[in-house]
């Protein structure tokens, strides 16, 4: 099976489910907070690694060899997709201020990024691709800098409400 096929459920959940649940949330999810300093480099690394994560699986083959690596990859992939679906459902219904603090957002301030990481690591393990695994690591490290910019923007937008939320809920898990 071509590795790109594993991205189809990801795209259906990330874009399809979100647009069905709340079209305004699609715009919110696509928004990038203004970056500054080293975050600019991280932003471009994030964009390039995302492109690699999307394009490279076109050249990969997934073989069900039923090894520990296969089952580990399948587990990461499945948990990532399930977490993404839950995060999308919760993201589509923010509070009156536009802030997400309910559901999975009580556990993680960034459940979509966590789910992306799990899903993409799962694909890398299923494809047994060290290169894709490295792209995912670059993606996740650069995403951390993007998240810092998003947090700065949320503090500016939501003020004390977001600062209190930050004290209660971890950035990742």
N, C-alpha and C. Protein backbone atom coordinates (compact mmCIF):
# COMPACT_ATOMS: atom_id res chain seq x y z
N UNK A 1 0.84 -1.17 0.00
CA UNK A 1 0.00 0.00 0.00
C UNK A 1 0.90 1.24 0.00
N UNK A 2 0.50 2.24 -0.75
CA UNK A 2 1.23 3.49 -0.81
C UNK A 2 1.06 4.25 0.51
N UNK A 3 2.15 4.81 1.03
CA UNK A 3 2.14 5.50 2.30
C UNK A 3 1.21 6.70 2.36
N UNK A 4 0.97 7.33 1.21
CA UNK A 4 0.12 8.51 1.18
C UNK A 4 -1.31 8.19 1.59
N UNK A 5 -1.73 6.97 1.38
CA UNK A 5 -3.09 6.55 1.74
C UNK A 5 -3.34 6.76 3.24
N UNK A 6 -2.30 6.63 4.04
CA UNK A 6 -2.45 6.84 5.48
C UNK A 6 -2.73 8.30 5.84
N UNK A 7 -2.41 9.21 4.94
CA UNK A 7 -2.69 10.63 5.19
C UNK A 7 -4.13 10.99 4.88
N UNK A 8 -4.81 10.19 4.08
CA UNK A 8 -6.19 10.51 3.70
C UNK A 8 -7.14 10.61 4.90
N UNK A 9 -7.13 9.64 5.83
CA UNK A 9 -8.00 9.81 7.01
C UNK A 9 -7.62 11.05 7.83
N UNK A 10 -6.33 11.33 7.90
CA UNK A 10 -5.86 12.53 8.60
C UNK A 10 -6.49 13.78 7.98
N UNK A 11 -6.42 13.91 6.65
CA UNK A 11 -6.98 15.07 5.97
C UNK A 11 -8.50 15.13 6.11
N UNK A 12 -9.15 13.97 6.03
CA UNK A 12 -10.61 13.95 6.18
C UNK A 12 -11.04 14.44 7.56
N UNK A 13 -10.30 14.05 8.58
CA UNK A 13 -10.63 14.50 9.93
C UNK A 13 -10.26 15.97 10.09
N UNK A 14 -9.02 16.30 9.75
CA UNK A 14 -8.48 17.65 9.99
C UNK A 14 -9.25 18.73 9.25
N UNK A 15 -9.57 18.47 7.98
CA UNK A 15 -10.24 19.49 7.18
C UNK A 15 -11.72 19.18 6.96
N UNK A 16 -12.05 17.95 6.64
CA UNK A 16 -13.43 17.58 6.36
C UNK A 16 -14.32 17.68 7.58
N UNK A 17 -13.93 17.01 8.66
CA UNK A 17 -14.75 17.02 9.87
C UNK A 17 -14.86 18.44 10.44
N UNK A 18 -13.74 19.16 10.44
CA UNK A 18 -13.77 20.51 10.99
C UNK A 18 -14.68 21.42 10.18
N UNK A 19 -14.64 21.31 8.86
CA UNK A 19 -15.51 22.18 8.05
C UNK A 19 -16.97 21.79 8.19
N UNK A 20 -17.26 20.53 8.44
CA UNK A 20 -18.65 20.12 8.68
C UNK A 20 -19.16 20.61 10.03
N UNK A 21 -18.28 20.61 11.02
CA UNK A 21 -18.68 21.00 12.37
C UNK A 21 -18.81 22.51 12.54
N UNK A 22 -17.86 23.26 11.95
CA UNK A 22 -17.88 24.71 12.14
C UNK A 22 -16.92 25.35 11.14
N UNK A 23 -17.47 25.96 10.11
CA UNK A 23 -16.65 26.57 9.05
C UNK A 23 -15.71 27.67 9.58
N UNK A 24 -16.16 28.42 10.58
CA UNK A 24 -15.31 29.46 11.15
C UNK A 24 -14.07 28.86 11.83
N UNK A 25 -14.23 27.66 12.35
CA UNK A 25 -13.11 27.00 13.02
C UNK A 25 -12.01 26.62 12.03
N UNK A 26 -12.37 26.39 10.78
CA UNK A 26 -11.36 26.10 9.75
C UNK A 26 -10.44 27.30 9.61
N UNK A 27 -11.01 28.49 9.58
CA UNK A 27 -10.21 29.71 9.48
C UNK A 27 -9.35 29.90 10.73
N UNK A 28 -9.92 29.63 11.91
CA UNK A 28 -9.15 29.75 13.15
C UNK A 28 -7.99 28.78 13.16
N UNK A 29 -8.22 27.56 12.70
CA UNK A 29 -7.17 26.53 12.70
C UNK A 29 -6.07 26.85 11.69
N UNK A 30 -6.41 27.54 10.63
CA UNK A 30 -5.44 27.88 9.60
C UNK A 30 -4.61 29.11 9.94
N UNK A 31 -5.03 29.83 10.97
CA UNK A 31 -4.35 31.07 11.35
C UNK A 31 -2.99 30.78 12.00
N UNK A 32 -1.99 31.51 11.57
CA UNK A 32 -0.67 31.45 12.22
C UNK A 32 -0.46 32.75 12.98
N UNK A 33 -0.07 32.61 14.22
CA UNK A 33 0.24 33.79 15.04
C UNK A 33 1.49 34.46 14.48
N UNK A 34 1.61 35.77 14.63
CA UNK A 34 2.82 36.46 14.17
C UNK A 34 4.05 35.90 14.89
N UNK A 35 5.09 35.63 14.12
CA UNK A 35 6.33 35.11 14.68
C UNK A 35 7.37 36.20 14.74
N UNK A 36 8.32 36.03 15.64
CA UNK A 36 9.38 37.02 15.78
C UNK A 36 10.68 36.31 16.13
N UNK A 37 11.81 36.94 15.81
CA UNK A 37 13.12 36.40 16.15
C UNK A 37 13.33 35.01 15.56
N UNK A 38 13.77 34.07 16.40
CA UNK A 38 14.06 32.69 15.97
C UNK A 38 12.79 31.95 15.53
N UNK A 39 11.65 32.45 15.93
CA UNK A 39 10.39 31.82 15.52
C UNK A 39 10.21 31.87 14.01
N UNK A 40 10.80 32.86 13.35
CA UNK A 40 10.70 32.97 11.89
C UNK A 40 11.36 31.75 11.24
N UNK A 41 12.53 31.38 11.73
CA UNK A 41 13.23 30.20 11.22
C UNK A 41 12.39 28.96 11.49
N UNK A 42 11.85 28.87 12.71
CA UNK A 42 11.01 27.73 13.08
C UNK A 42 9.77 27.65 12.18
N UNK A 43 9.20 28.80 11.87
CA UNK A 43 8.02 28.83 10.99
C UNK A 43 8.36 28.20 9.64
N UNK A 44 9.49 28.57 9.07
CA UNK A 44 9.86 28.02 7.76
C UNK A 44 10.24 26.55 7.84
N UNK A 45 10.90 26.14 8.92
CA UNK A 45 11.19 24.72 9.12
C UNK A 45 9.89 23.93 9.27
N UNK A 46 8.93 24.51 9.96
CA UNK A 46 7.62 23.89 10.12
C UNK A 46 6.95 23.70 8.76
N UNK A 47 6.95 24.74 7.95
CA UNK A 47 6.31 24.67 6.64
C UNK A 47 7.00 23.65 5.73
N UNK A 48 8.32 23.65 5.71
CA UNK A 48 9.08 22.73 4.86
C UNK A 48 8.91 21.29 5.34
N UNK A 49 8.98 21.09 6.65
CA UNK A 49 8.80 19.73 7.17
C UNK A 49 7.38 19.23 6.93
N UNK A 50 6.39 20.12 7.02
CA UNK A 50 5.01 19.74 6.72
C UNK A 50 4.89 19.29 5.27
N UNK A 51 5.49 20.04 4.38
CA UNK A 51 5.49 19.66 2.96
C UNK A 51 6.15 18.29 2.77
N UNK A 52 7.26 18.07 3.45
CA UNK A 52 7.94 16.77 3.37
C UNK A 52 7.08 15.64 3.90
N UNK A 53 6.42 15.88 5.03
CA UNK A 53 5.57 14.86 5.64
C UNK A 53 4.39 14.51 4.74
N UNK A 54 3.92 15.49 3.97
CA UNK A 54 2.80 15.25 3.06
C UNK A 54 3.27 14.59 1.76
N UNK A 55 4.39 15.06 1.21
CA UNK A 55 4.84 14.58 -0.10
C UNK A 55 5.62 13.27 -0.04
N UNK A 56 6.49 13.13 0.93
CA UNK A 56 7.37 11.95 0.96
C UNK A 56 6.62 10.62 1.03
N UNK A 57 5.53 10.51 1.78
CA UNK A 57 4.81 9.23 1.80
C UNK A 57 4.32 8.76 0.42
N UNK A 58 4.23 9.66 -0.55
CA UNK A 58 3.89 9.24 -1.92
C UNK A 58 4.90 8.24 -2.46
N UNK A 59 6.11 8.28 -1.95
CA UNK A 59 7.19 7.42 -2.43
C UNK A 59 7.47 6.25 -1.49
N UNK A 60 6.65 6.11 -0.47
CA UNK A 60 6.86 5.05 0.51
C UNK A 60 5.83 3.94 0.35
N UNK A 61 6.24 2.76 0.74
CA UNK A 61 5.37 1.59 0.68
C UNK A 61 5.18 1.06 2.10
N UNK A 62 3.93 0.80 2.44
CA UNK A 62 3.61 0.23 3.74
C UNK A 62 3.34 -1.25 3.54
N UNK A 63 4.08 -2.06 4.28
CA UNK A 63 3.91 -3.51 4.18
C UNK A 63 3.53 -4.03 5.56
N UNK A 64 2.44 -4.76 5.63
CA UNK A 64 1.99 -5.33 6.89
C UNK A 64 2.87 -6.54 7.21
N UNK A 65 3.96 -6.30 7.94
CA UNK A 65 4.86 -7.41 8.26
C UNK A 65 4.61 -7.97 9.66
N UNK A 66 3.67 -7.38 10.39
CA UNK A 66 3.24 -7.84 11.70
C UNK A 66 4.39 -7.95 12.70
N UNK A 67 5.35 -7.06 12.56
CA UNK A 67 6.46 -6.97 13.51
C UNK A 67 6.07 -6.05 14.65
N UNK A 68 6.91 -5.96 15.66
CA UNK A 68 6.67 -5.03 16.77
C UNK A 68 6.65 -3.60 16.26
N UNK A 69 7.49 -3.29 15.28
CA UNK A 69 7.54 -1.96 14.68
C UNK A 69 6.21 -1.63 13.98
N UNK A 70 5.67 -2.62 13.27
CA UNK A 70 4.40 -2.44 12.58
C UNK A 70 3.28 -2.16 13.59
N UNK A 71 3.19 -2.96 14.64
CA UNK A 71 2.13 -2.77 15.63
C UNK A 71 2.30 -1.47 16.42
N UNK A 72 3.54 -1.10 16.69
CA UNK A 72 3.81 0.17 17.37
C UNK A 72 3.36 1.33 16.48
N UNK A 73 3.72 1.25 15.21
CA UNK A 73 3.30 2.29 14.26
C UNK A 73 1.79 2.37 14.13
N UNK A 74 1.16 1.23 14.05
CA UNK A 74 -0.30 1.18 13.94
C UNK A 74 -0.96 1.78 15.18
N UNK A 75 -0.39 1.51 16.34
CA UNK A 75 -0.92 2.06 17.59
C UNK A 75 -0.78 3.59 17.62
N UNK A 76 0.42 4.09 17.31
CA UNK A 76 0.63 5.55 17.28
C UNK A 76 -0.31 6.20 16.28
N UNK A 77 -0.42 5.61 15.10
CA UNK A 77 -1.27 6.15 14.04
C UNK A 77 -2.73 6.19 14.49
N UNK A 78 -3.23 5.07 15.03
CA UNK A 78 -4.62 5.00 15.47
C UNK A 78 -4.94 5.95 16.61
N UNK A 79 -4.05 6.01 17.60
CA UNK A 79 -4.25 6.93 18.72
C UNK A 79 -4.19 8.37 18.22
N UNK A 80 -3.27 8.65 17.29
CA UNK A 80 -3.17 10.00 16.73
C UNK A 80 -4.44 10.42 16.01
N UNK A 81 -5.00 9.52 15.20
CA UNK A 81 -6.24 9.85 14.49
C UNK A 81 -7.41 10.03 15.46
N UNK A 82 -7.49 9.17 16.46
CA UNK A 82 -8.58 9.29 17.44
C UNK A 82 -8.45 10.60 18.23
N UNK A 83 -7.22 10.92 18.65
CA UNK A 83 -7.00 12.17 19.38
C UNK A 83 -7.30 13.38 18.50
N UNK A 84 -6.95 13.30 17.23
CA UNK A 84 -7.24 14.40 16.30
C UNK A 84 -8.74 14.59 16.16
N UNK A 85 -9.48 13.50 16.04
CA UNK A 85 -10.93 13.60 15.90
C UNK A 85 -11.55 14.26 17.13
N UNK A 86 -11.10 13.85 18.31
CA UNK A 86 -11.61 14.44 19.55
C UNK A 86 -11.23 15.92 19.62
N UNK A 87 -9.98 16.24 19.27
CA UNK A 87 -9.53 17.63 19.31
C UNK A 87 -10.32 18.49 18.34
N UNK A 88 -10.61 17.96 17.16
CA UNK A 88 -11.38 18.71 16.15
C UNK A 88 -12.79 18.98 16.66
N UNK A 89 -13.41 17.98 17.27
CA UNK A 89 -14.76 18.17 17.82
C UNK A 89 -14.74 19.28 18.86
N UNK A 90 -13.78 19.22 19.78
CA UNK A 90 -13.69 20.23 20.84
C UNK A 90 -13.29 21.59 20.30
N UNK A 91 -12.40 21.63 19.32
CA UNK A 91 -11.95 22.89 18.74
C UNK A 91 -13.08 23.61 18.02
N UNK A 92 -14.02 22.85 17.49
CA UNK A 92 -15.10 23.45 16.71
C UNK A 92 -16.14 24.17 17.56
N UNK A 93 -16.04 24.03 18.87
CA UNK A 93 -17.02 24.72 19.72
C UNK A 93 -16.32 25.43 20.89
N UNK A 94 -15.69 26.57 20.59
CA UNK A 94 -15.03 27.35 21.65
C UNK A 94 -16.07 28.06 22.53
N UNK A 95 -15.60 28.63 23.63
CA UNK A 95 -16.52 29.38 24.48
C UNK A 95 -16.86 30.73 23.82
N UNK A 96 -17.64 31.54 24.49
CA UNK A 96 -18.10 32.82 23.93
C UNK A 96 -16.95 33.76 23.57
N UNK A 97 -15.83 33.64 24.27
CA UNK A 97 -14.67 34.49 23.99
C UNK A 97 -13.88 33.98 22.78
N UNK A 98 -14.13 32.71 22.38
CA UNK A 98 -13.37 32.11 21.29
C UNK A 98 -12.24 31.23 21.78
N UNK A 99 -12.26 30.88 23.06
CA UNK A 99 -11.19 30.09 23.68
C UNK A 99 -11.67 28.66 23.88
N UNK A 100 -10.80 27.70 23.59
CA UNK A 100 -11.11 26.29 23.78
C UNK A 100 -10.50 25.83 25.11
N UNK A 101 -11.37 25.43 26.06
CA UNK A 101 -10.89 24.95 27.36
C UNK A 101 -11.64 23.70 27.81
N UNK A 102 -12.53 23.19 27.00
CA UNK A 102 -13.35 22.04 27.38
C UNK A 102 -12.86 20.77 26.68
N UNK A 103 -13.34 19.63 27.16
CA UNK A 103 -13.00 18.35 26.55
C UNK A 103 -11.51 18.06 26.65
N UNK A 104 -10.92 17.67 25.55
CA UNK A 104 -9.51 17.33 25.52
C UNK A 104 -8.62 18.53 25.83
N UNK A 105 -9.17 19.73 25.67
CA UNK A 105 -8.42 20.95 25.99
C UNK A 105 -8.27 21.14 27.50
N UNK A 106 -8.86 20.28 28.30
CA UNK A 106 -8.64 20.28 29.75
C UNK A 106 -7.38 19.49 30.09
N UNK A 107 -6.92 18.70 29.13
CA UNK A 107 -5.74 17.86 29.34
C UNK A 107 -4.51 18.46 28.67
N UNK A 108 -4.72 19.07 27.51
CA UNK A 108 -3.62 19.63 26.72
C UNK A 108 -4.07 20.94 26.09
N UNK A 109 -3.18 21.94 26.12
CA UNK A 109 -3.51 23.19 25.44
C UNK A 109 -3.34 23.06 23.94
N UNK A 110 -2.66 22.02 23.50
CA UNK A 110 -2.36 21.83 22.07
C UNK A 110 -2.61 20.40 21.60
N UNK A 111 -3.83 19.90 21.80
CA UNK A 111 -4.07 18.50 21.44
C UNK A 111 -3.96 18.21 19.94
N UNK A 112 -4.20 19.21 19.10
CA UNK A 112 -4.05 18.95 17.67
C UNK A 112 -2.59 18.70 17.31
N UNK A 113 -1.69 19.51 17.85
CA UNK A 113 -0.26 19.29 17.58
C UNK A 113 0.19 17.94 18.12
N UNK A 114 -0.28 17.56 19.30
CA UNK A 114 0.07 16.26 19.88
C UNK A 114 -0.44 15.14 18.96
N UNK A 115 -1.67 15.29 18.49
CA UNK A 115 -2.24 14.25 17.62
C UNK A 115 -1.52 14.18 16.28
N UNK A 116 -1.11 15.32 15.74
CA UNK A 116 -0.34 15.32 14.49
C UNK A 116 0.93 14.50 14.69
N UNK A 117 1.63 14.79 15.79
CA UNK A 117 2.88 14.12 16.08
C UNK A 117 2.67 12.60 16.18
N UNK A 118 1.68 12.19 16.93
CA UNK A 118 1.41 10.75 17.09
C UNK A 118 1.09 10.09 15.75
N UNK A 119 0.23 10.74 14.99
CA UNK A 119 -0.17 10.20 13.69
C UNK A 119 1.02 10.10 12.73
N UNK A 120 1.82 11.16 12.64
CA UNK A 120 2.95 11.18 11.71
C UNK A 120 4.06 10.22 12.15
N UNK A 121 4.30 10.10 13.44
CA UNK A 121 5.28 9.12 13.94
C UNK A 121 4.79 7.72 13.58
N UNK A 122 3.49 7.50 13.73
CA UNK A 122 2.92 6.20 13.35
C UNK A 122 3.15 5.88 11.89
N UNK A 123 2.96 6.85 11.03
CA UNK A 123 3.19 6.64 9.60
C UNK A 123 4.67 6.35 9.33
N UNK A 124 5.56 7.08 9.99
CA UNK A 124 7.00 6.85 9.81
C UNK A 124 7.38 5.43 10.25
N UNK A 125 6.81 4.98 11.37
CA UNK A 125 7.10 3.62 11.84
C UNK A 125 6.51 2.57 10.90
N UNK A 126 5.29 2.80 10.43
CA UNK A 126 4.66 1.86 9.50
C UNK A 126 5.44 1.76 8.19
N UNK A 127 5.97 2.89 7.74
CA UNK A 127 6.75 2.91 6.50
C UNK A 127 8.20 2.49 6.74
N UNK A 128 8.56 2.38 8.01
CA UNK A 128 9.94 2.07 8.41
C UNK A 128 10.92 3.01 7.73
N UNK A 129 10.59 4.31 7.82
CA UNK A 129 11.37 5.35 7.16
C UNK A 129 12.06 6.25 8.18
N UNK A 130 13.39 6.15 8.23
CA UNK A 130 14.17 7.01 9.11
C UNK A 130 14.06 8.46 8.64
N UNK A 131 14.06 8.69 7.33
CA UNK A 131 13.96 10.05 6.80
C UNK A 131 12.63 10.70 7.21
N UNK A 132 11.52 9.98 7.07
CA UNK A 132 10.23 10.53 7.48
C UNK A 132 10.20 10.76 8.98
N UNK A 133 10.79 9.87 9.74
CA UNK A 133 10.87 10.02 11.19
C UNK A 133 11.61 11.31 11.54
N UNK A 134 12.72 11.58 10.85
CA UNK A 134 13.49 12.81 11.07
C UNK A 134 12.67 14.05 10.69
N UNK A 135 11.92 13.96 9.60
CA UNK A 135 11.05 15.08 9.21
C UNK A 135 10.02 15.37 10.29
N UNK A 136 9.48 14.31 10.87
CA UNK A 136 8.48 14.48 11.93
C UNK A 136 9.11 15.12 13.16
N UNK A 137 10.32 14.74 13.49
CA UNK A 137 11.00 15.36 14.63
C UNK A 137 11.25 16.85 14.37
N UNK A 138 11.69 17.19 13.17
CA UNK A 138 11.89 18.60 12.80
C UNK A 138 10.55 19.34 12.87
N UNK A 139 9.51 18.71 12.37
CA UNK A 139 8.16 19.28 12.43
C UNK A 139 7.78 19.59 13.88
N UNK A 140 7.98 18.63 14.77
CA UNK A 140 7.54 18.80 16.14
C UNK A 140 8.38 19.83 16.89
N UNK A 141 9.67 19.83 16.67
CA UNK A 141 10.53 20.83 17.32
C UNK A 141 10.17 22.23 16.84
N UNK A 142 9.99 22.38 15.55
CA UNK A 142 9.62 23.70 15.02
C UNK A 142 8.20 24.10 15.45
N UNK A 143 7.32 23.12 15.58
CA UNK A 143 5.95 23.41 16.05
C UNK A 143 5.98 24.00 17.45
N UNK A 144 6.93 23.59 18.26
CA UNK A 144 7.04 24.15 19.62
C UNK A 144 7.20 25.68 19.55
N UNK A 145 8.01 26.16 18.63
CA UNK A 145 8.23 27.61 18.48
C UNK A 145 6.97 28.30 17.95
N UNK A 146 6.24 27.61 17.08
CA UNK A 146 4.97 28.14 16.57
C UNK A 146 3.98 28.26 17.74
N UNK A 147 3.97 27.26 18.59
CA UNK A 147 3.08 27.24 19.75
C UNK A 147 3.41 28.39 20.70
N UNK A 148 4.69 28.67 20.89
CA UNK A 148 5.07 29.79 21.75
C UNK A 148 4.51 31.11 21.20
N UNK A 149 4.56 31.28 19.89
CA UNK A 149 3.98 32.48 19.26
C UNK A 149 2.47 32.50 19.46
N UNK A 150 1.82 31.34 19.33
CA UNK A 150 0.38 31.26 19.52
C UNK A 150 0.00 31.61 20.96
N UNK A 151 0.80 31.13 21.90
CA UNK A 151 0.52 31.44 23.31
C UNK A 151 0.64 32.93 23.59
N UNK A 152 1.65 33.54 23.01
CA UNK A 152 1.83 34.99 23.17
C UNK A 152 0.61 35.73 22.63
N UNK A 153 0.12 35.29 21.46
CA UNK A 153 -1.06 35.91 20.87
C UNK A 153 -2.31 35.67 21.73
N UNK A 154 -2.44 34.47 22.28
CA UNK A 154 -3.60 34.17 23.13
C UNK A 154 -3.59 34.99 24.42
N UNK A 155 -2.41 35.20 24.98
CA UNK A 155 -2.33 36.04 26.18
C UNK A 155 -2.76 37.46 25.83
N UNK A 156 -2.33 37.93 24.68
CA UNK A 156 -2.71 39.28 24.24
C UNK A 156 -4.23 39.37 24.00
N UNK A 157 -4.79 38.33 23.40
CA UNK A 157 -6.21 38.34 23.03
C UNK A 157 -7.14 38.04 24.21
N UNK A 158 -6.78 37.02 25.03
CA UNK A 158 -7.68 36.56 26.09
C UNK A 158 -7.26 37.02 27.49
N UNK A 159 -6.07 37.57 27.62
CA UNK A 159 -5.59 38.11 28.88
C UNK A 159 -5.53 37.12 30.01
N UNK A 160 -6.07 37.54 31.15
CA UNK A 160 -6.00 36.76 32.39
C UNK A 160 -6.66 35.39 32.25
N UNK A 161 -7.70 35.29 31.43
CA UNK A 161 -8.38 34.01 31.22
C UNK A 161 -7.40 32.97 30.67
N UNK A 162 -6.59 33.39 29.70
CA UNK A 162 -5.63 32.45 29.11
C UNK A 162 -4.48 32.17 30.07
N UNK A 163 -4.04 33.16 30.80
CA UNK A 163 -2.96 32.95 31.76
C UNK A 163 -3.39 31.96 32.85
N UNK A 164 -4.63 32.05 33.30
CA UNK A 164 -5.15 31.08 34.27
C UNK A 164 -5.25 29.70 33.65
N UNK A 165 -5.68 29.63 32.42
CA UNK A 165 -5.76 28.36 31.70
C UNK A 165 -4.37 27.74 31.58
N UNK A 166 -3.36 28.56 31.29
CA UNK A 166 -1.99 28.07 31.17
C UNK A 166 -1.50 27.48 32.50
N UNK A 167 -1.94 28.03 33.61
CA UNK A 167 -1.52 27.52 34.92
C UNK A 167 -2.16 26.17 35.24
N UNK A 168 -3.35 25.93 34.70
CA UNK A 168 -4.09 24.71 34.99
C UNK A 168 -3.77 23.55 34.03
N UNK A 169 -3.48 23.89 32.76
CA UNK A 169 -3.36 22.85 31.74
C UNK A 169 -1.97 22.89 31.11
N UNK A 170 -1.38 21.73 30.96
CA UNK A 170 -0.04 21.64 30.37
C UNK A 170 -0.07 21.98 28.89
N UNK A 171 1.08 22.38 28.38
CA UNK A 171 1.21 22.75 26.97
C UNK A 171 0.94 21.53 26.07
N UNK A 172 1.46 20.38 26.43
CA UNK A 172 1.29 19.19 25.58
C UNK A 172 0.48 18.12 26.32
N UNK A 173 1.13 17.31 27.12
CA UNK A 173 0.38 16.30 27.90
C UNK A 173 0.99 16.18 29.28
